[in-house]
Amino acid sequence: MAWFRRRPQQGRPGGRPVEKADLEHLTQFVRSRRGVEAFVEPQTTVTETTLLLVAHDGEWTRRRIQSPDVARRFAHQLSMPIYDVRLLGYPQRMRDYNERQRRRPSP
């Protein structure tokens, strides 16, 4: 099978460039909520590097980002703390928010 003969793609040190719509969504999320913190999720074999934003109440959003460096620059431009999810893990308030959403009755 060809799976084992695949070579990494050349010329892509950080993945695809970030789309403008993704950056606008992330910026809007930060500006419309309070206490937002950023978490960088590393690239895996299935997903590219992503930036997870979590608000004070646990509401969250996630978008693909080109690299951890781009994520850090984005967070610093918006004066937002940024963490590595591999080192810190996901915040409890995010898990609590997900649980509240799951228990909500359907409309």
N, C-alpha and C. Protein backbone atom coordinates (compact mmCIF):
# COMPACT_ATOMS: atom_id res chain seq x y z
N MET A 1 0.83 -1.18 0.00
CA MET A 1 0.00 0.00 0.00
C MET A 1 0.87 1.25 0.00
N ALA A 2 0.31 2.29 -0.51
CA ALA A 2 1.04 3.55 -0.64
C ALA A 2 1.13 4.31 0.68
N TRP A 3 0.42 3.92 1.69
CA TRP A 3 0.42 4.66 2.95
C TRP A 3 1.82 4.80 3.51
N PHE A 4 2.60 3.76 3.42
CA PHE A 4 3.91 3.76 4.05
C PHE A 4 4.96 4.44 3.18
N ARG A 5 4.61 4.77 1.95
CA ARG A 5 5.55 5.43 1.06
C ARG A 5 5.30 6.93 0.97
N ARG A 6 4.32 7.40 1.67
CA ARG A 6 4.02 8.83 1.60
C ARG A 6 5.13 9.63 2.25
N ARG A 7 5.39 10.76 1.66
CA ARG A 7 6.39 11.67 2.21
C ARG A 7 5.68 12.91 2.70
N PRO A 8 6.22 13.55 3.73
CA PRO A 8 5.61 14.80 4.17
C PRO A 8 5.64 15.83 3.05
N GLN A 9 4.62 16.65 2.99
CA GLN A 9 4.57 17.67 1.96
C GLN A 9 5.64 18.70 2.21
N GLN A 10 6.32 19.06 1.15
CA GLN A 10 7.40 20.04 1.25
C GLN A 10 6.83 21.45 1.17
N GLY A 11 7.50 22.38 1.80
CA GLY A 11 7.12 23.78 1.68
C GLY A 11 5.94 24.19 2.55
N ARG A 12 5.54 23.37 3.50
CA ARG A 12 4.42 23.72 4.38
C ARG A 12 4.88 23.66 5.82
N PRO A 13 5.71 24.60 6.25
CA PRO A 13 6.21 24.53 7.61
C PRO A 13 5.14 24.72 8.66
N GLY A 14 4.09 25.47 8.35
CA GLY A 14 3.09 25.74 9.37
C GLY A 14 1.68 25.41 8.95
N GLY A 15 1.49 24.73 7.86
CA GLY A 15 0.15 24.42 7.42
C GLY A 15 -0.42 25.50 6.52
N ARG A 16 -1.71 25.37 6.22
CA ARG A 16 -2.37 26.33 5.33
C ARG A 16 -2.49 27.68 6.00
N PRO A 17 -2.45 28.73 5.22
CA PRO A 17 -2.65 30.06 5.80
C PRO A 17 -4.05 30.16 6.42
N VAL A 18 -4.17 30.98 7.43
CA VAL A 18 -5.44 31.16 8.12
C VAL A 18 -6.38 31.95 7.22
N GLU A 19 -7.63 31.52 7.17
CA GLU A 19 -8.61 32.23 6.37
C GLU A 19 -9.10 33.46 7.13
N LYS A 20 -9.38 34.51 6.40
CA LYS A 20 -9.82 35.77 6.99
C LYS A 20 -11.11 35.58 7.80
N ALA A 21 -12.01 34.75 7.32
CA ALA A 21 -13.27 34.51 8.03
C ALA A 21 -13.02 33.87 9.40
N ASP A 22 -12.03 33.00 9.48
CA ASP A 22 -11.70 32.37 10.76
C ASP A 22 -11.18 33.40 11.76
N LEU A 23 -10.28 34.26 11.30
CA LEU A 23 -9.75 35.31 12.18
C LEU A 23 -10.83 36.28 12.62
N GLU A 24 -11.74 36.61 11.71
CA GLU A 24 -12.84 37.50 12.06
C GLU A 24 -13.75 36.86 13.10
N HIS A 25 -14.02 35.56 12.95
CA HIS A 25 -14.85 34.85 13.92
C HIS A 25 -14.19 34.86 15.30
N LEU A 26 -12.90 34.56 15.35
CA LEU A 26 -12.18 34.55 16.62
C LEU A 26 -12.15 35.94 17.25
N THR A 27 -11.90 36.95 16.45
CA THR A 27 -11.87 38.32 16.96
C THR A 27 -13.24 38.73 17.50
N GLN A 28 -14.29 38.41 16.78
CA GLN A 28 -15.65 38.72 17.24
C GLN A 28 -15.97 38.01 18.55
N PHE A 29 -15.54 36.76 18.68
CA PHE A 29 -15.77 36.01 19.91
C PHE A 29 -15.10 36.71 21.09
N VAL A 30 -13.85 37.13 20.90
CA VAL A 30 -13.11 37.80 21.98
C VAL A 30 -13.77 39.12 22.35
N ARG A 31 -14.18 39.88 21.37
CA ARG A 31 -14.73 41.21 21.64
C ARG A 31 -16.15 41.17 22.20
N SER A 32 -16.86 40.08 22.00
CA SER A 32 -18.25 40.02 22.46
C SER A 32 -18.42 39.25 23.77
N ARG A 33 -17.35 38.76 24.33
CA ARG A 33 -17.41 38.02 25.59
C ARG A 33 -16.33 38.52 26.53
N ARG A 34 -16.49 38.23 27.80
CA ARG A 34 -15.46 38.68 28.74
C ARG A 34 -14.68 37.49 29.29
N GLY A 35 -13.48 37.78 29.75
CA GLY A 35 -12.64 36.75 30.35
C GLY A 35 -12.19 35.66 29.40
N VAL A 36 -11.97 35.99 28.14
CA VAL A 36 -11.61 34.97 27.14
C VAL A 36 -10.12 34.64 27.26
N GLU A 37 -9.83 33.35 27.26
CA GLU A 37 -8.46 32.84 27.25
C GLU A 37 -8.29 31.97 26.01
N ALA A 38 -7.07 31.92 25.50
CA ALA A 38 -6.77 31.14 24.31
C ALA A 38 -5.97 29.90 24.68
N PHE A 39 -6.24 28.82 23.97
CA PHE A 39 -5.52 27.56 24.15
C PHE A 39 -5.11 27.04 22.78
N VAL A 40 -3.82 26.76 22.61
CA VAL A 40 -3.32 26.22 21.35
C VAL A 40 -3.41 24.71 21.42
N GLU A 41 -4.09 24.14 20.43
CA GLU A 41 -4.17 22.67 20.31
C GLU A 41 -3.21 22.25 19.21
N PRO A 42 -2.32 21.31 19.50
CA PRO A 42 -1.27 20.96 18.53
C PRO A 42 -1.82 20.22 17.31
N GLN A 43 -1.04 20.26 16.27
CA GLN A 43 -1.37 19.51 15.05
C GLN A 43 -1.28 18.02 15.36
N THR A 44 -2.22 17.27 14.80
CA THR A 44 -2.21 15.81 14.92
C THR A 44 -2.21 15.22 13.53
N THR A 45 -2.27 13.90 13.45
CA THR A 45 -2.33 13.27 12.13
C THR A 45 -3.67 13.54 11.46
N VAL A 46 -4.67 13.90 12.23
CA VAL A 46 -6.02 14.12 11.70
C VAL A 46 -6.36 15.60 11.54
N THR A 47 -5.90 16.43 12.45
CA THR A 47 -6.26 17.85 12.43
C THR A 47 -5.04 18.73 12.38
N GLU A 48 -5.24 19.93 11.88
CA GLU A 48 -4.16 20.91 11.89
C GLU A 48 -4.16 21.63 13.23
N THR A 49 -3.20 22.50 13.45
CA THR A 49 -3.14 23.28 14.68
C THR A 49 -4.40 24.12 14.78
N THR A 50 -4.99 24.15 15.97
CA THR A 50 -6.20 24.94 16.17
C THR A 50 -6.04 25.86 17.37
N LEU A 51 -6.83 26.92 17.37
CA LEU A 51 -6.87 27.86 18.48
C LEU A 51 -8.25 27.75 19.11
N LEU A 52 -8.26 27.42 20.38
CA LEU A 52 -9.49 27.29 21.15
C LEU A 52 -9.62 28.51 22.04
N LEU A 53 -10.76 29.19 21.97
CA LEU A 53 -11.03 30.33 22.84
C LEU A 53 -12.12 29.95 23.81
N VAL A 54 -11.89 30.23 25.10
CA VAL A 54 -12.85 29.89 26.15
C VAL A 54 -13.18 31.14 26.95
N ALA A 55 -14.48 31.47 27.02
CA ALA A 55 -14.94 32.65 27.76
C ALA A 55 -15.06 32.34 29.24
N HIS A 56 -15.37 33.36 30.03
CA HIS A 56 -15.45 33.20 31.49
C HIS A 56 -16.50 32.17 31.92
N ASP A 57 -17.58 32.03 31.15
CA ASP A 57 -18.65 31.10 31.52
C ASP A 57 -18.46 29.70 30.92
N GLY A 58 -17.36 29.51 30.17
CA GLY A 58 -17.09 28.20 29.59
C GLY A 58 -17.48 28.09 28.13
N GLU A 59 -18.22 29.08 27.62
CA GLU A 59 -18.56 29.04 26.20
C GLU A 59 -17.26 29.06 25.40
N TRP A 60 -17.22 28.31 24.33
CA TRP A 60 -15.97 28.19 23.59
C TRP A 60 -16.20 28.13 22.09
N THR A 61 -15.12 28.38 21.38
CA THR A 61 -15.09 28.24 19.92
C THR A 61 -13.70 27.80 19.52
N ARG A 62 -13.61 27.17 18.37
CA ARG A 62 -12.33 26.64 17.90
C ARG A 62 -12.23 26.87 16.40
N ARG A 63 -11.05 27.29 15.96
CA ARG A 63 -10.79 27.47 14.54
C ARG A 63 -9.36 27.02 14.25
N ARG A 64 -9.18 26.61 12.99
CA ARG A 64 -7.85 26.21 12.53
C ARG A 64 -6.98 27.45 12.46
N ILE A 65 -5.71 27.29 12.83
CA ILE A 65 -4.75 28.39 12.78
C ILE A 65 -3.48 27.85 12.13
N GLN A 66 -2.71 28.69 11.52
CA GLN A 66 -1.56 28.25 10.74
C GLN A 66 -0.49 27.57 11.59
N SER A 67 -0.19 28.14 12.74
CA SER A 67 0.86 27.59 13.60
C SER A 67 0.71 28.13 15.01
N PRO A 68 1.39 27.52 15.98
CA PRO A 68 1.36 28.06 17.34
C PRO A 68 1.88 29.50 17.41
N ASP A 69 2.85 29.83 16.59
CA ASP A 69 3.38 31.21 16.59
C ASP A 69 2.33 32.21 16.13
N VAL A 70 1.58 31.86 15.11
CA VAL A 70 0.50 32.73 14.63
C VAL A 70 -0.56 32.88 15.72
N ALA A 71 -0.86 31.80 16.41
CA ALA A 71 -1.83 31.84 17.50
C ALA A 71 -1.37 32.77 18.62
N ARG A 72 -0.08 32.68 18.97
CA ARG A 72 0.45 33.55 20.02
C ARG A 72 0.40 35.02 19.61
N ARG A 73 0.75 35.31 18.37
CA ARG A 73 0.69 36.70 17.89
C ARG A 73 -0.75 37.22 17.93
N PHE A 74 -1.69 36.38 17.51
CA PHE A 74 -3.11 36.77 17.53
C PHE A 74 -3.55 37.09 18.96
N ALA A 75 -3.21 36.22 19.90
CA ALA A 75 -3.60 36.43 21.29
C ALA A 75 -2.95 37.69 21.87
N HIS A 76 -1.70 37.91 21.58
CA HIS A 76 -1.02 39.10 22.11
C HIS A 76 -1.59 40.38 21.52
N GLN A 77 -1.99 40.35 20.25
CA GLN A 77 -2.60 41.53 19.63
C GLN A 77 -3.90 41.92 20.34
N LEU A 78 -4.61 40.92 20.85
CA LEU A 78 -5.88 41.18 21.54
C LEU A 78 -5.72 41.20 23.06
N SER A 79 -4.49 41.23 23.54
CA SER A 79 -4.19 41.26 24.98
C SER A 79 -4.89 40.15 25.73
N MET A 80 -4.74 38.95 25.24
CA MET A 80 -5.42 37.78 25.79
C MET A 80 -4.38 36.76 26.23
N PRO A 81 -4.56 36.14 27.40
CA PRO A 81 -3.62 35.10 27.80
C PRO A 81 -3.74 33.88 26.89
N ILE A 82 -2.62 33.22 26.64
CA ILE A 82 -2.62 32.05 25.77
C ILE A 82 -1.84 30.94 26.44
N TYR A 83 -2.36 29.72 26.33
CA TYR A 83 -1.77 28.56 26.98
C TYR A 83 -1.65 27.41 25.97
N ASP A 84 -0.78 26.49 26.29
CA ASP A 84 -0.63 25.28 25.49
C ASP A 84 -1.49 24.20 26.14
N VAL A 85 -2.45 23.68 25.40
CA VAL A 85 -3.39 22.71 25.96
C VAL A 85 -2.68 21.41 26.38
N ARG A 86 -1.53 21.11 25.75
CA ARG A 86 -0.77 19.90 26.14
C ARG A 86 -0.19 20.05 27.53
N LEU A 87 0.13 21.26 27.93
CA LEU A 87 0.73 21.49 29.24
C LEU A 87 -0.32 21.73 30.32
N LEU A 88 -1.38 22.45 29.97
CA LEU A 88 -2.36 22.87 30.96
C LEU A 88 -3.64 22.05 30.94
N GLY A 89 -3.97 21.47 29.80
CA GLY A 89 -5.23 20.76 29.67
C GLY A 89 -6.36 21.73 29.38
N TYR A 90 -7.57 21.19 29.27
CA TYR A 90 -8.74 22.02 28.99
C TYR A 90 -9.30 22.54 30.31
N PRO A 91 -9.79 23.78 30.32
CA PRO A 91 -10.31 24.36 31.57
C PRO A 91 -11.60 23.66 32.01
N GLN A 92 -11.76 23.54 33.31
CA GLN A 92 -12.95 22.90 33.87
C GLN A 92 -14.22 23.63 33.47
N ARG A 93 -14.16 24.95 33.38
CA ARG A 93 -15.37 25.71 33.02
C ARG A 93 -15.87 25.34 31.63
N MET A 94 -14.98 24.93 30.75
CA MET A 94 -15.39 24.49 29.41
C MET A 94 -16.13 23.16 29.50
N ARG A 95 -15.63 22.25 30.29
CA ARG A 95 -16.31 20.96 30.48
C ARG A 95 -17.66 21.16 31.15
N ASP A 96 -17.72 22.07 32.13
CA ASP A 96 -18.98 22.36 32.80
C ASP A 96 -19.99 22.96 31.82
N TYR A 97 -19.54 23.85 30.95
CA TYR A 97 -20.41 24.45 29.94
C TYR A 97 -20.96 23.37 29.01
N ASN A 98 -20.09 22.47 28.56
CA ASN A 98 -20.53 21.38 27.68
C ASN A 98 -21.58 20.51 28.36
N GLU A 99 -21.39 20.25 29.63
CA GLU A 99 -22.35 19.44 30.39
C GLU A 99 -23.69 20.17 30.51
N ARG A 100 -23.65 21.48 30.78
CA ARG A 100 -24.89 22.26 30.86
C ARG A 100 -25.63 22.25 29.52
N GLN A 101 -24.89 22.38 28.44
CA GLN A 101 -25.50 22.38 27.11
C GLN A 101 -26.12 21.01 26.79
N ARG A 102 -25.46 19.98 27.20
CA ARG A 102 -25.95 18.63 26.93
C ARG A 102 -27.24 18.34 27.70
N ARG A 103 -27.36 18.92 28.91
CA ARG A 103 -28.53 18.68 29.76
C ARG A 103 -29.71 19.58 29.42
N ARG A 104 -29.47 20.64 28.64
CA ARG A 104 -30.55 21.56 28.28
C ARG A 104 -31.63 20.82 27.50
N PRO A 105 -32.89 21.11 27.79
CA PRO A 105 -33.97 20.49 27.02
C PRO A 105 -33.97 21.02 25.59
N SER A 106 -34.31 20.18 24.66
CA SER A 106 -34.36 20.57 23.25
C SER A 106 -35.56 21.50 23.02
N PRO A 107 -35.38 22.50 22.14
CA PRO A 107 -36.50 23.43 21.88
C PRO A 107 -37.61 22.78 21.10
